[in-house]
PDB file of N, CA and C in Angstrom:
ATOM      1  N   MET A   1     -73.562  22.838 -96.687  1.00  0.00           N
ATOM      2  CA  MET A   1     -73.325  24.256 -96.667  1.00  0.00           C
ATOM      3  C   MET A   1     -73.026  24.784 -98.065  1.00  0.00           C
ATOM      4  N   ASN A   2     -73.413  24.105 -99.080  1.00  0.00           N
ATOM      5  CA  ASN A   2     -73.126  24.553-100.434  1.00  0.00           C
ATOM      6  C   ASN A   2     -74.217  25.473-100.966  1.00  0.00           C
ATOM      7  N   LYS A   3     -74.488  26.523-100.212  1.00  0.00           N
ATOM      8  CA  LYS A   3     -75.436  27.535-100.643  1.00  0.00           C
ATOM      9  C   LYS A   3     -74.799  28.885-100.423  1.00  0.00           C
ATOM     10  N   SER A   4     -75.106  29.803-101.299  1.00  0.00           N
ATOM     11  CA  SER A   4     -74.474  31.111-101.161  1.00  0.00           C
ATOM     12  C   SER A   4     -75.185  32.007-100.163  1.00  0.00           C
ATOM     13  N   ASP A   5     -76.294  31.583 -99.616  1.00  0.00           N
ATOM     14  CA  ASP A   5     -77.032  32.417 -98.673  1.00  0.00           C
ATOM     15  C   ASP A   5     -77.058  31.826 -97.266  1.00  0.00           C
ATOM     16  N   PHE A   6     -76.055  31.032 -96.906  1.00  0.00           N
ATOM     17  CA  PHE A   6     -76.099  30.342 -95.622  1.00  0.00           C
ATOM     18  C   PHE A   6     -75.933  31.273 -94.431  1.00  0.00           C
ATOM     19  N   LEU A   7     -75.441  32.488 -94.645  1.00  0.00           N
ATOM     20  CA  LEU A   7     -75.294  33.419 -93.527  1.00  0.00           C
ATOM     21  C   LEU A   7     -76.606  34.104 -93.153  1.00  0.00           C
ATOM     22  N   PHE A   8     -77.633  33.948 -93.968  1.00  0.00           N
ATOM     23  CA  PHE A   8     -78.910  34.596 -93.709  1.00  0.00           C
ATOM     24  C   PHE A   8     -79.871  33.625 -93.043  1.00  0.00           C
ATOM     25  N   ALA A   9     -80.778  34.161 -92.240  1.00  0.00           N
ATOM     26  CA  ALA A   9     -81.813  33.338 -91.625  1.00  0.00           C
ATOM     27  C   ALA A   9     -82.808  32.925 -92.707  1.00  0.00           C
ATOM     28  N   LEU A  10     -83.229  31.685 -92.676  1.00  0.00           N
ATOM     29  CA  LEU A  10     -84.187  31.196 -93.665  1.00  0.00           C
ATOM     30  C   LEU A  10     -85.611  31.370 -93.136  1.00  0.00           C
ATOM     31  N   PRO A  11     -86.423  32.150 -93.821  1.00  0.00           N
ATOM     32  CA  PRO A  11     -87.777  32.403 -93.337  1.00  0.00           C
ATOM     33  C   PRO A  11     -88.702  31.213 -93.572  1.00  0.00           C
ATOM     34  N   ASN A  12     -89.693  31.102 -92.724  1.00  0.00           N
ATOM     35  CA  ASN A  12     -90.769  30.139 -92.932  1.00  0.00           C
ATOM     36  C   ASN A  12     -92.062  30.761 -92.420  1.00  0.00           C
ATOM     37  N   PHE A  13     -93.168  30.130 -92.661  1.00  0.00           N
ATOM     38  CA  PHE A  13     -94.474  30.708 -92.332  1.00  0.00           C
ATOM     39  C   PHE A  13     -94.628  30.955 -90.841  1.00  0.00           C
ATOM     40  N   PHE A  14     -94.346  29.946 -90.027  1.00  0.00           N
ATOM     41  CA  PHE A  14     -94.541  30.090 -88.588  1.00  0.00           C
ATOM     42  C   PHE A  14     -93.530  31.062 -87.974  1.00  0.00           C
ATOM     43  N   GLY A  15     -92.327  31.097 -88.517  1.00  0.00           N
ATOM     44  CA  GLY A  15     -91.345  32.070 -88.049  1.00  0.00           C
ATOM     45  C   GLY A  15     -91.803  33.492 -88.328  1.00  0.00           C
ATOM     46  N   GLY A  16     -92.361  33.710 -89.502  1.00  0.00           N
ATOM     47  CA  GLY A  16     -92.887  35.034 -89.845  1.00  0.00           C
ATOM     48  C   GLY A  16     -94.078  35.409 -88.993  1.00  0.00           C
ATOM     49  N   LEU A  17     -94.932  34.436 -88.738  1.00  0.00           N
ATOM     50  CA  LEU A  17     -96.102  34.684 -87.891  1.00  0.00           C
ATOM     51  C   LEU A  17     -95.681  35.043 -86.473  1.00  0.00           C
ATOM     52  N   SER A  18     -94.714  34.332 -85.935  1.00  0.00           N
ATOM     53  CA  SER A  18     -94.281  34.608 -84.573  1.00  0.00           C
ATOM     54  C   SER A  18     -93.533  35.936 -84.481  1.00  0.00           C
ATOM     55  N   ARG A  19     -92.870  36.353 -85.556  1.00  0.00           N
ATOM     56  CA  ARG A  19     -92.149  37.630 -85.531  1.00  0.00           C
ATOM     57  C   ARG A  19     -93.098  38.826 -85.509  1.00  0.00           C
ATOM     58  N   THR A  20     -94.318  38.636 -85.977  1.00  0.00           N
ATOM     59  CA  THR A  20     -95.272  39.743 -85.909  1.00  0.00           C
ATOM     60  C   THR A  20     -95.656  40.046 -84.466  1.00  0.00           C
ATOM     61  N   LEU A  21     -95.552  39.061 -83.588  1.00  0.00           N
ATOM     62  CA  LEU A  21     -95.876  39.255 -82.183  1.00  0.00           C
ATOM     63  C   LEU A  21     -94.649  39.506 -81.313  1.00  0.00           C
ATOM     64  N   ASP A  22     -93.468  39.399 -81.880  1.00  0.00           N
ATOM     65  CA  ASP A  22     -92.213  39.552 -81.143  1.00  0.00           C
ATOM     66  C   ASP A  22     -91.843  41.032 -81.074  1.00  0.00           C
ATOM     67  N   MET A  23     -92.268  41.709 -80.026  1.00  0.00           N
ATOM     68  CA  MET A  23     -92.062  43.152 -79.905  1.00  0.00           C
ATOM     69  C   MET A  23     -90.609  43.508 -79.580  1.00  0.00           C
ATOM     70  N   GLY A  24     -89.855  42.634 -78.945  1.00  0.00           N
ATOM     71  CA  GLY A  24     -88.484  42.946 -78.556  1.00  0.00           C
ATOM     72  C   GLY A  24     -87.429  42.421 -79.506  1.00  0.00           C
ATOM     73  N   SER A  25     -87.823  41.897 -80.652  1.00  0.00           N
ATOM     74  CA  SER A  25     -86.895  41.312 -81.638  1.00  0.00           C
ATOM     75  C   SER A  25     -86.000  40.250 -81.011  1.00  0.00           C
ATOM     76  N   THR A  26     -86.565  39.402 -80.197  1.00  0.00           N
ATOM     77  CA  THR A  26     -85.786  38.347 -79.550  1.00  0.00           C
ATOM     78  C   THR A  26     -85.633  37.119 -80.433  1.00  0.00           C
ATOM     79  N   LEU A  27     -86.408  37.031 -81.494  1.00  0.00           N
ATOM     80  CA  LEU A  27     -86.373  35.849 -82.355  1.00  0.00           C
ATOM     81  C   LEU A  27     -85.414  36.006 -83.536  1.00  0.00           C
ATOM     82  N   ASN A  28     -84.807  37.168 -83.709  1.00  0.00           N
ATOM     83  CA  ASN A  28     -83.878  37.382 -84.824  1.00  0.00           C
ATOM     84  C   ASN A  28     -82.557  36.694 -84.523  1.00  0.00           C
ATOM     85  N   VAL A  29     -82.332  35.564 -85.175  1.00  0.00           N
ATOM     86  CA  VAL A  29     -81.100  34.802 -85.010  1.00  0.00           C
ATOM     87  C   VAL A  29     -80.491  34.602 -86.388  1.00  0.00           C
ATOM     88  N   TYR A  30     -79.213  34.925 -86.507  1.00  0.00           N
ATOM     89  CA  TYR A  30     -78.517  34.762 -87.775  1.00  0.00           C
ATOM     90  C   TYR A  30     -77.394  33.750 -87.616  1.00  0.00           C
ATOM     91  N   ASN A  31     -76.989  33.195 -88.710  1.00  0.00           N
ATOM     92  CA  ASN A  31     -75.865  32.263 -88.713  1.00  0.00           C
ATOM     93  C   ASN A  31     -74.597  33.090 -88.641  1.00  0.00           C
ATOM     94  N   ASP A  32     -74.053  33.247 -87.454  1.00  0.00           N
ATOM     95  CA  ASP A  32     -72.900  34.116 -87.303  1.00  0.00           C
ATOM     96  C   ASP A  32     -71.630  33.311 -87.084  1.00  0.00           C
ATOM     97  N   SER A  33     -70.510  34.020 -87.094  1.00  0.00           N
ATOM     98  CA  SER A  33     -69.201  33.406 -86.912  1.00  0.00           C
ATOM     99  C   SER A  33     -68.486  34.122 -85.771  1.00  0.00           C
ATOM    100  N   GLU A  34     -67.454  33.477 -85.258  1.00  0.00           N
ATOM    101  CA  GLU A  34     -66.687  34.058 -84.153  1.00  0.00           C
ATOM    102  C   GLU A  34     -65.937  35.319 -84.590  1.00  0.00           C
ATOM    103  N   THR A  35     -65.360  35.287 -85.788  1.00  0.00           N
ATOM    104  CA  THR A  35     -64.571  36.422 -86.280  1.00  0.00           C
ATOM    105  C   THR A  35     -64.971  36.730 -87.720  1.00  0.00           C
ATOM    106  N   PRO A  36     -64.662  37.944 -88.195  1.00  0.00           N
ATOM    107  CA  PRO A  36     -64.917  38.258 -89.606  1.00  0.00           C
ATOM    108  C   PRO A  36     -64.144  37.349 -90.556  1.00  0.00           C
ATOM    109  N   GLU A  37     -62.943  36.941 -90.139  1.00  0.00           N
ATOM    110  CA  GLU A  37     -62.151  36.051 -90.989  1.00  0.00           C
ATOM    111  C   GLU A  37     -62.820  34.691 -91.138  1.00  0.00           C
ATOM    112  N   GLU A  38     -63.409  34.190 -90.051  1.00  0.00           N
ATOM    113  CA  GLU A  38     -64.116  32.913 -90.120  1.00  0.00           C
ATOM    114  C   GLU A  38     -65.344  33.023 -91.023  1.00  0.00           C
ATOM    115  N   ALA A  39     -66.053  34.145 -90.945  1.00  0.00           N
ATOM    116  CA  ALA A  39     -67.212  34.361 -91.818  1.00  0.00           C
ATOM    117  C   ALA A  39     -66.780  34.403 -93.282  1.00  0.00           C
ATOM    118  N   ASP A  40     -65.657  35.093 -93.562  1.00  0.00           N
ATOM    119  CA  ASP A  40     -65.136  35.137 -94.927  1.00  0.00           C
ATOM    120  C   ASP A  40     -64.743  33.749 -95.410  1.00  0.00           C
ATOM    121  N   TYR A  41     -64.069  32.995 -94.550  1.00  0.00           N
ATOM    122  CA  TYR A  41     -63.647  31.642 -94.909  1.00  0.00           C
ATOM    123  C   TYR A  41     -64.857  30.773 -95.251  1.00  0.00           C
ATOM    124  N   LYS A  42     -65.889  30.835 -94.412  1.00  0.00           N
ATOM    125  CA  LYS A  42     -67.093  30.038 -94.656  1.00  0.00           C
ATOM    126  C   LYS A  42     -67.780  30.464 -95.947  1.00  0.00           C
ATOM    127  N   ALA A  43     -67.833  31.778 -96.193  1.00  0.00           N
ATOM    128  CA  ALA A  43     -68.489  32.270 -97.404  1.00  0.00           C
ATOM    129  C   ALA A  43     -67.731  31.843 -98.660  1.00  0.00           C
ATOM    130  N   ILE A  44     -66.403  31.965 -98.630  1.00  0.00           N
ATOM    131  CA  ILE A  44     -65.596  31.568 -99.790  1.00  0.00           C
ATOM    132  C   ILE A  44     -65.688  30.066-100.014  1.00  0.00           C
ATOM    133  N   GLN A  45     -65.659  29.298 -98.935  1.00  0.00           N
ATOM    134  CA  GLN A  45     -65.778  27.845 -99.046  1.00  0.00           C
ATOM    135  C   GLN A  45     -67.129  27.476 -99.652  1.00  0.00           C
ATOM    136  N   SER A  46     -68.174  28.131 -99.211  1.00  0.00           N
ATOM    137  CA  SER A  46     -69.500  27.858 -99.750  1.00  0.00           C
ATOM    138  C   SER A  46     -69.594  28.256-101.217  1.00  0.00           C
ATOM    139  N   ASP A  47     -69.041  29.418-101.561  1.00  0.00           N
ATOM    140  CA  ASP A  47     -69.069  29.864-102.957  1.00  0.00           C
ATOM    141  C   ASP A  47     -68.366  28.878-103.879  1.00  0.00           C
ATOM    142  N   TRP A  48     -67.182  28.424-103.478  1.00  0.00           N
ATOM    143  CA  TRP A  48     -66.454  27.467-104.312  1.00  0.00           C
ATOM    144  C   TRP A  48     -67.163  26.115-104.360  1.00  0.00           C
ATOM    145  N   GLY A  49     -67.865  25.758-103.288  1.00  0.00           N
ATOM    146  CA  GLY A  49     -68.656  24.529-103.310  1.00  0.00           C
ATOM    147  C   GLY A  49     -69.761  24.595-104.348  1.00  0.00           C
ATOM    148  N   VAL A  50     -70.426  25.754-104.433  1.00  0.00           N
ATOM    149  CA  VAL A  50     -71.490  25.939-105.420  1.00  0.00           C
ATOM    150  C   VAL A  50     -70.913  25.947-106.829  1.00  0.00           C
ATOM    151  N   ILE A  51     -69.755  26.594-107.006  1.00  0.00           N
ATOM    152  CA  ILE A  51     -69.097  26.606-108.320  1.00  0.00           C
ATOM    153  C   ILE A  51     -68.727  25.188-108.747  1.00  0.00           C
ATOM    154  N   GLY A  52     -68.181  24.410-107.818  1.00  0.00           N
ATOM    155  CA  GLY A  52     -67.838  23.022-108.132  1.00  0.00           C
ATOM    156  C   GLY A  52     -69.054  22.200-108.509  1.00  0.00           C
ATOM    157  N   LYS A  53     -70.144  22.414-107.796  1.00  0.00           N
ATOM    158  CA  LYS A  53     -71.384  21.697-108.106  1.00  0.00           C
ATOM    159  C   LYS A  53     -71.882  22.058-109.503  1.00  0.00           C
ATOM    160  N   ASP A  54     -71.827  23.351-109.858  1.00  0.00           N
ATOM    161  CA  ASP A  54     -72.230  23.781-111.198  1.00  0.00           C
ATOM    162  C   ASP A  54     -71.325  23.179-112.274  1.00  0.00           C
ATOM    163  N   LEU A  55     -70.022  23.151-112.020  1.00  0.00           N
ATOM    164  CA  LEU A  55     -69.097  22.565-112.993  1.00  0.00           C
ATOM    165  C   LEU A  55     -69.370  21.070-113.191  1.00  0.00           C
ATOM    166  N   ARG A  56     -69.585  20.351-112.093  1.00  0.00           N
ATOM    167  CA  ARG A  56     -69.895  18.915-112.212  1.00  0.00           C
ATOM    168  C   ARG A  56     -71.168  18.703-113.014  1.00  0.00           C
ATOM    169  N   ARG A  57     -72.189  19.517-112.768  1.00  0.00           N
ATOM    170  CA  ARG A  57     -73.445  19.394-113.495  1.00  0.00           C
ATOM    171  C   ARG A  57     -73.237  19.697-114.980  1.00  0.00           C
ATOM    172  N   SER A  58     -72.432  20.701-115.281  1.00  0.00           N
ATOM    173  CA  SER A  58     -72.169  21.057-116.680  1.00  0.00           C
ATOM    174  C   SER A  58     -71.384  19.961-117.394  1.00  0.00           C
ATOM    175  N   ILE A  59     -70.374  19.423-116.736  1.00  0.00           N
ATOM    176  CA  ILE A  59     -69.579  18.348-117.331  1.00  0.00           C
ATOM    177  C   ILE A  59     -70.441  17.117-117.571  1.00  0.00           C
ATOM    178  N   HIS A  60     -71.290  16.796-116.612  1.00  0.00           N
ATOM    179  CA  HIS A  60     -72.182  15.647-116.775  1.00  0.00           C
ATOM    180  C   HIS A  60     -73.131  15.861-117.962  1.00  0.00           C
ATOM    181  N   GLY A  61     -73.690  17.068-118.076  1.00  0.00           N
ATOM    182  CA  GLY A  61     -74.582  17.372-119.203  1.00  0.00           C
ATOM    183  C   GLY A  61     -73.863  17.320-120.528  1.00  0.00           C
ATOM    184  N   TYR A  62     -72.634  17.789-120.566  1.00  0.00           N
ATOM    185  CA  TYR A  62     -71.839  17.757-121.790  1.00  0.00           C
ATOM    186  C   TYR A  62     -71.531  16.325-122.189  1.00  0.00           C
ATOM    187  N   ARG A  63     -71.202  15.471-121.225  1.00  0.00           N
ATOM    188  CA  ARG A  63     -70.923  14.071-121.520  1.00  0.00           C
ATOM    189  C   ARG A  63     -72.168  13.384-122.068  1.00  0.00           C
ATOM    190  N   LYS A  64     -73.328  13.679-121.493  1.00  0.00           N
ATOM    191  CA  LYS A  64     -74.571  13.099-122.004  1.00  0.00           C
ATOM    192  C   LYS A  64     -74.828  13.555-123.430  1.00  0.00           C
ATOM    193  N   TRP A  65     -74.549  14.841-123.692  1.00  0.00           N
ATOM    194  CA  TRP A  65     -74.742  15.384-125.034  1.00  0.00           C
ATOM    195  C   TRP A  65     -73.795  14.711-126.017  1.00  0.00           C
ATOM    196  N   LEU A  66     -72.533  14.475-125.608  1.00  0.00           N
ATOM    197  CA  LEU A  66     -71.566  13.805-126.489  1.00  0.00           C
ATOM    198  C   LEU A  66     -72.005  12.388-126.836  1.00  0.00           C
ATOM    199  N   CYS A  67     -72.561  11.693-125.868  1.00  0.00           N
ATOM    200  CA  CYS A  67     -72.981  10.306-126.104  1.00  0.00           C
ATOM    201  C   CYS A  67     -74.152  10.235-127.077  1.00  0.00           C
ATOM    202  N   LYS A  68     -74.990  11.252-127.093  1.00  0.00           N
ATOM    203  CA  LYS A  68     -76.142  11.258-128.012  1.00  0.00           C
ATOM    204  C   LYS A  68     -75.722  11.577-129.443  1.00  0.00           C
ATOM    205  N   ASN A  69     -74.630  12.323-129.607  1.00  0.00           N
ATOM    206  CA  ASN A  69     -74.220  12.763-130.956  1.00  0.00           C
ATOM    207  C   ASN A  69     -73.097  11.944-131.479  1.00  0.00           C
TER     208      ASN A  69
END
């Protein structure tokens, strides 16, 4: 869940094709939560997960750069 767009439906070719024939919008499913607080918690957790991943990648790159110089 370390993506900042996890609350949105992820499109694909066949999903888009089937939605053109879906007259009643029955195929629209989103990643929802029980309460707004739970949605906020999940979003903040995901955001910090992505930040942590970026920091780890930056630290690793910096260490590699230090070893070369």
